[in-house]
Amino acid sequence: MSERHDFDLAATIVRGQAPARAVTVQRAVAFSGRLTHQLDYVVYLHVLFAK
């Protein structure tokens, strides 16, 4: 089963900004108890590094 894909070979590659090297998490956020699940911290830090 071969599928044919048509690609635009003249497309331009645009790079975005590099993620931050370090972020600061405020004590009130880290110890507030609002981030109850372990993945909450992972998602929160991911968003901070991406911004």
PDB file of N, CA and C in Angstrom:
ATOM      1  N   MET A   1       0.840  -1.185   0.000  1.00  0.00           N
ATOM      2  CA  MET A   1       0.000   0.000   0.000  1.00  0.00           C
ATOM      3  C   MET A   1       0.884   1.247   0.000  1.00  0.00           C
ATOM      4  N   SER A   2       1.090   1.776  -1.147  1.00  0.00           N
ATOM      5  CA  SER A   2       1.884   2.994  -1.209  1.00  0.00           C
ATOM      6  C   SER A   2       0.956   4.189  -1.375  1.00  0.00           C
ATOM      7  N   GLU A   3       1.185   5.177  -0.550  1.00  0.00           N
ATOM      8  CA  GLU A   3       0.406   6.411  -0.633  1.00  0.00           C
ATOM      9  C   GLU A   3       1.265   7.483  -1.269  1.00  0.00           C
ATOM     10  N   ARG A   4       0.645   8.316  -2.041  1.00  0.00           N
ATOM     11  CA  ARG A   4       1.385   9.397  -2.679  1.00  0.00           C
ATOM     12  C   ARG A   4       1.172  10.672  -1.880  1.00  0.00           C
ATOM     13  N   HIS A   5       2.268  11.305  -1.528  1.00  0.00           N
ATOM     14  CA  HIS A   5       2.226  12.564  -0.784  1.00  0.00           C
ATOM     15  C   HIS A   5       2.816  13.661  -1.664  1.00  0.00           C
ATOM     16  N   ASP A   6       2.079  14.724  -1.817  1.00  0.00           N
ATOM     17  CA  ASP A   6       2.589  15.859  -2.567  1.00  0.00           C
ATOM     18  C   ASP A   6       3.115  16.882  -1.570  1.00  0.00           C
ATOM     19  N   PHE A   7       4.402  17.145  -1.639  1.00  0.00           N
ATOM     20  CA  PHE A   7       5.036  18.091  -0.736  1.00  0.00           C
ATOM     21  C   PHE A   7       5.426  19.338  -1.502  1.00  0.00           C
ATOM     22  N   ASP A   8       5.338  20.471  -0.830  1.00  0.00           N
ATOM     23  CA  ASP A   8       5.777  21.729  -1.420  1.00  0.00           C
ATOM     24  C   ASP A   8       7.273  21.863  -1.146  1.00  0.00           C
ATOM     25  N   LEU A   9       8.082  21.618  -2.157  1.00  0.00           N
ATOM     26  CA  LEU A   9       9.528  21.636  -1.970  1.00  0.00           C
ATOM     27  C   LEU A   9      10.089  23.050  -1.874  1.00  0.00           C
ATOM     28  N   ALA A  10       9.273  24.055  -2.141  1.00  0.00           N
ATOM     29  CA  ALA A  10       9.734  25.438  -2.053  1.00  0.00           C
ATOM     30  C   ALA A  10       9.307  26.080  -0.730  1.00  0.00           C
ATOM     31  N   ALA A  11       8.901  25.279   0.236  1.00  0.00           N
ATOM     32  CA  ALA A  11       8.427  25.808   1.514  1.00  0.00           C
ATOM     33  C   ALA A  11       9.573  26.453   2.298  1.00  0.00           C
ATOM     34  N   THR A  12       9.231  27.409   3.102  1.00  0.00           N
ATOM     35  CA  THR A  12      10.205  28.116   3.921  1.00  0.00           C
ATOM     36  C   THR A  12      10.138  27.584   5.352  1.00  0.00           C
ATOM     37  N   ILE A  13      11.295  27.354   5.941  1.00  0.00           N
ATOM     38  CA  ILE A  13      11.363  26.919   7.334  1.00  0.00           C
ATOM     39  C   ILE A  13      11.550  28.151   8.206  1.00  0.00           C
ATOM     40  N   VAL A  14      10.650  28.333   9.148  1.00  0.00           N
ATOM     41  CA  VAL A  14      10.717  29.478  10.054  1.00  0.00           C
ATOM     42  C   VAL A  14      10.918  28.946  11.460  1.00  0.00           C
ATOM     43  N   ARG A  15      11.969  29.400  12.104  1.00  0.00           N
ATOM     44  CA  ARG A  15      12.241  28.950  13.466  1.00  0.00           C
ATOM     45  C   ARG A  15      11.629  29.914  14.463  1.00  0.00           C
ATOM     46  N   GLY A  16      11.096  29.355  15.526  1.00  0.00           N
ATOM     47  CA  GLY A  16      10.528  30.173  16.592  1.00  0.00           C
ATOM     48  C   GLY A  16      11.601  30.532  17.606  1.00  0.00           C
ATOM     49  N   GLN A  17      11.184  31.212  18.635  1.00  0.00           N
ATOM     50  CA  GLN A  17      12.118  31.579  19.691  1.00  0.00           C
ATOM     51  C   GLN A  17      12.535  30.335  20.462  1.00  0.00           C
ATOM     52  N   ALA A  18      13.758  30.362  20.958  1.00  0.00           N
ATOM     53  CA  ALA A  18      14.237  29.258  21.786  1.00  0.00           C
ATOM     54  C   ALA A  18      13.538  29.316  23.140  1.00  0.00           C
ATOM     55  N   PRO A  19      13.288  28.172  23.751  1.00  0.00           N
ATOM     56  CA  PRO A  19      12.665  28.188  25.075  1.00  0.00           C
ATOM     57  C   PRO A  19      13.602  28.816  26.108  1.00  0.00           C
ATOM     58  N   ALA A  20      13.045  29.254  27.199  1.00  0.00           N
ATOM     59  CA  ALA A  20      13.833  29.896  28.253  1.00  0.00           C
ATOM     60  C   ALA A  20      14.813  28.900  28.853  1.00  0.00           C
ATOM     61  N   ARG A  21      15.963  29.393  29.274  1.00  0.00           N
ATOM     62  CA  ARG A  21      16.966  28.537  29.911  1.00  0.00           C
ATOM     63  C   ARG A  21      16.606  28.253  31.360  1.00  0.00           C
ATOM     64  N   ALA A  22      15.911  29.166  31.990  1.00  0.00           N
ATOM     65  CA  ALA A  22      15.523  28.989  33.390  1.00  0.00           C
ATOM     66  C   ALA A  22      14.243  29.768  33.649  1.00  0.00           C
ATOM     67  N   VAL A  23      13.477  29.307  34.598  1.00  0.00           N
ATOM     68  CA  VAL A  23      12.260  29.998  35.007  1.00  0.00           C
ATOM     69  C   VAL A  23      12.235  30.079  36.528  1.00  0.00           C
ATOM     70  N   THR A  24      11.467  31.018  37.027  1.00  0.00           N
ATOM     71  CA  THR A  24      11.306  31.176  38.465  1.00  0.00           C
ATOM     72  C   THR A  24       9.878  30.825  38.839  1.00  0.00           C
ATOM     73  N   VAL A  25       9.746  29.905  39.764  1.00  0.00           N
ATOM     74  CA  VAL A  25       8.430  29.524  40.267  1.00  0.00           C
ATOM     75  C   VAL A  25       8.268  30.196  41.627  1.00  0.00           C
ATOM     76  N   GLN A  26       7.227  30.996  41.736  1.00  0.00           N
ATOM     77  CA  GLN A  26       7.006  31.705  42.995  1.00  0.00           C
ATOM     78  C   GLN A  26       6.649  30.727  44.101  1.00  0.00           C
ATOM     79  N   ARG A  27       7.114  31.030  45.295  1.00  0.00           N
ATOM     80  CA  ARG A  27       6.865  30.174  46.453  1.00  0.00           C
ATOM     81  C   ARG A  27       5.370  29.977  46.679  1.00  0.00           C
ATOM     82  N   ALA A  28       4.581  31.030  46.475  1.00  0.00           N
ATOM     83  CA  ALA A  28       3.136  30.939  46.692  1.00  0.00           C
ATOM     84  C   ALA A  28       2.490  29.921  45.753  1.00  0.00           C
ATOM     85  N   VAL A  29       3.014  29.793  44.553  1.00  0.00           N
ATOM     86  CA  VAL A  29       2.472  28.818  43.599  1.00  0.00           C
ATOM     87  C   VAL A  29       2.959  27.416  43.946  1.00  0.00           C
ATOM     88  N   ALA A  30       4.224  27.288  44.261  1.00  0.00           N
ATOM     89  CA  ALA A  30       4.810  25.972  44.518  1.00  0.00           C
ATOM     90  C   ALA A  30       4.229  25.311  45.761  1.00  0.00           C
ATOM     91  N   PHE A  31       3.933  26.097  46.781  1.00  0.00           N
ATOM     92  CA  PHE A  31       3.483  25.521  48.045  1.00  0.00           C
ATOM     93  C   PHE A  31       2.041  25.875  48.393  1.00  0.00           C
ATOM     94  N   SER A  32       1.256  26.288  47.412  1.00  0.00           N
ATOM     95  CA  SER A  32      -0.119  26.700  47.697  1.00  0.00           C
ATOM     96  C   SER A  32      -1.069  25.526  47.880  1.00  0.00           C
ATOM     97  N   GLY A  33      -0.701  24.365  47.354  1.00  0.00           N
ATOM     98  CA  GLY A  33      -1.597  23.215  47.425  1.00  0.00           C
ATOM     99  C   GLY A  33      -2.543  23.131  46.243  1.00  0.00           C
ATOM    100  N   ARG A  34      -2.491  24.108  45.338  1.00  0.00           N
ATOM    101  CA  ARG A  34      -3.366  24.086  44.166  1.00  0.00           C
ATOM    102  C   ARG A  34      -2.881  23.100  43.117  1.00  0.00           C
ATOM    103  N   LEU A  35      -1.575  22.871  43.066  1.00  0.00           N
ATOM    104  CA  LEU A  35      -1.027  21.889  42.132  1.00  0.00           C
ATOM    105  C   LEU A  35      -1.004  20.550  42.860  1.00  0.00           C
ATOM    106  N   THR A  36      -2.101  19.834  42.792  1.00  0.00           N
ATOM    107  CA  THR A  36      -2.258  18.634  43.602  1.00  0.00           C
ATOM    108  C   THR A  36      -1.725  17.376  42.935  1.00  0.00           C
ATOM    109  N   HIS A  37      -1.825  17.287  41.631  1.00  0.00           N
ATOM    110  CA  HIS A  37      -1.373  16.102  40.909  1.00  0.00           C
ATOM    111  C   HIS A  37       0.066  16.322  40.450  1.00  0.00           C
ATOM    112  N   GLN A  38       0.835  15.246  40.373  1.00  0.00           N
ATOM    113  CA  GLN A  38       2.238  15.360  39.967  1.00  0.00           C
ATOM    114  C   GLN A  38       2.370  15.961  38.568  1.00  0.00           C
ATOM    115  N   LEU A  39       1.444  15.638  37.679  1.00  0.00           N
ATOM    116  CA  LEU A  39       1.505  16.181  36.320  1.00  0.00           C
ATOM    117  C   LEU A  39       1.197  17.674  36.278  1.00  0.00           C
ATOM    118  N   ASP A  40       0.536  18.202  37.300  1.00  0.00           N
ATOM    119  CA  ASP A  40       0.282  19.642  37.349  1.00  0.00           C
ATOM    120  C   ASP A  40       1.591  20.417  37.320  1.00  0.00           C
ATOM    121  N   TYR A  41       2.582  19.947  38.058  1.00  0.00           N
ATOM    122  CA  TYR A  41       3.889  20.616  38.084  1.00  0.00           C
ATOM    123  C   TYR A  41       4.574  20.520  36.727  1.00  0.00           C
ATOM    124  N   VAL A  42       4.485  19.351  36.104  1.00  0.00           N
ATOM    125  CA  VAL A  42       5.129  19.159  34.803  1.00  0.00           C
ATOM    126  C   VAL A  42       4.528  20.097  33.764  1.00  0.00           C
ATOM    127  N   VAL A  43       3.215  20.167  33.719  1.00  0.00           N
ATOM    128  CA  VAL A  43       2.539  21.030  32.749  1.00  0.00           C
ATOM    129  C   VAL A  43       2.833  22.491  33.050  1.00  0.00           C
ATOM    130  N   TYR A  44       2.792  22.868  34.314  1.00  0.00           N
ATOM    131  CA  TYR A  44       3.060  24.251  34.715  1.00  0.00           C
ATOM    132  C   TYR A  44       4.475  24.670  34.301  1.00  0.00           C
ATOM    133  N   LEU A  45       5.459  23.838  34.572  1.00  0.00           N
ATOM    134  CA  LEU A  45       6.833  24.175  34.188  1.00  0.00           C
ATOM    135  C   LEU A  45       7.005  24.184  32.676  1.00  0.00           C
ATOM    136  N   HIS A  46       6.332  23.282  31.991  1.00  0.00           N
ATOM    137  CA  HIS A  46       6.398  23.267  30.520  1.00  0.00           C
ATOM    138  C   HIS A  46       5.884  24.583  29.948  1.00  0.00           C
ATOM    139  N   VAL A  47       4.785  25.067  30.477  1.00  0.00           N
ATOM    140  CA  VAL A  47       4.218  26.329  30.006  1.00  0.00           C
ATOM    141  C   VAL A  47       5.153  27.486  30.312  1.00  0.00           C
ATOM    142  N   LEU A  48       5.753  27.491  31.497  1.00  0.00           N
ATOM    143  CA  LEU A  48       6.687  28.573  31.833  1.00  0.00           C
ATOM    144  C   LEU A  48       7.898  28.582  30.915  1.00  0.00           C
ATOM    145  N   PHE A  49       8.451  27.421  30.630  1.00  0.00           N
ATOM    146  CA  PHE A  49       9.615  27.360  29.741  1.00  0.00           C
ATOM    147  C   PHE A  49       9.238  27.748  28.319  1.00  0.00           C
ATOM    148  N   ALA A  50       8.038  27.433  27.899  1.00  0.00           N
ATOM    149  CA  ALA A  50       7.605  27.758  26.537  1.00  0.00           C
ATOM    150  C   ALA A  50       7.355  29.245  26.361  1.00  0.00           C
ATOM    151  N   LYS A  51       6.921  29.910  27.411  1.00  0.00           N
ATOM    152  CA  LYS A  51       6.645  31.346  27.331  1.00  0.00           C
ATOM    153  C   LYS A  51       7.941  32.085  27.410  1.00  0.00           C
TER     154      LYS A  51
END
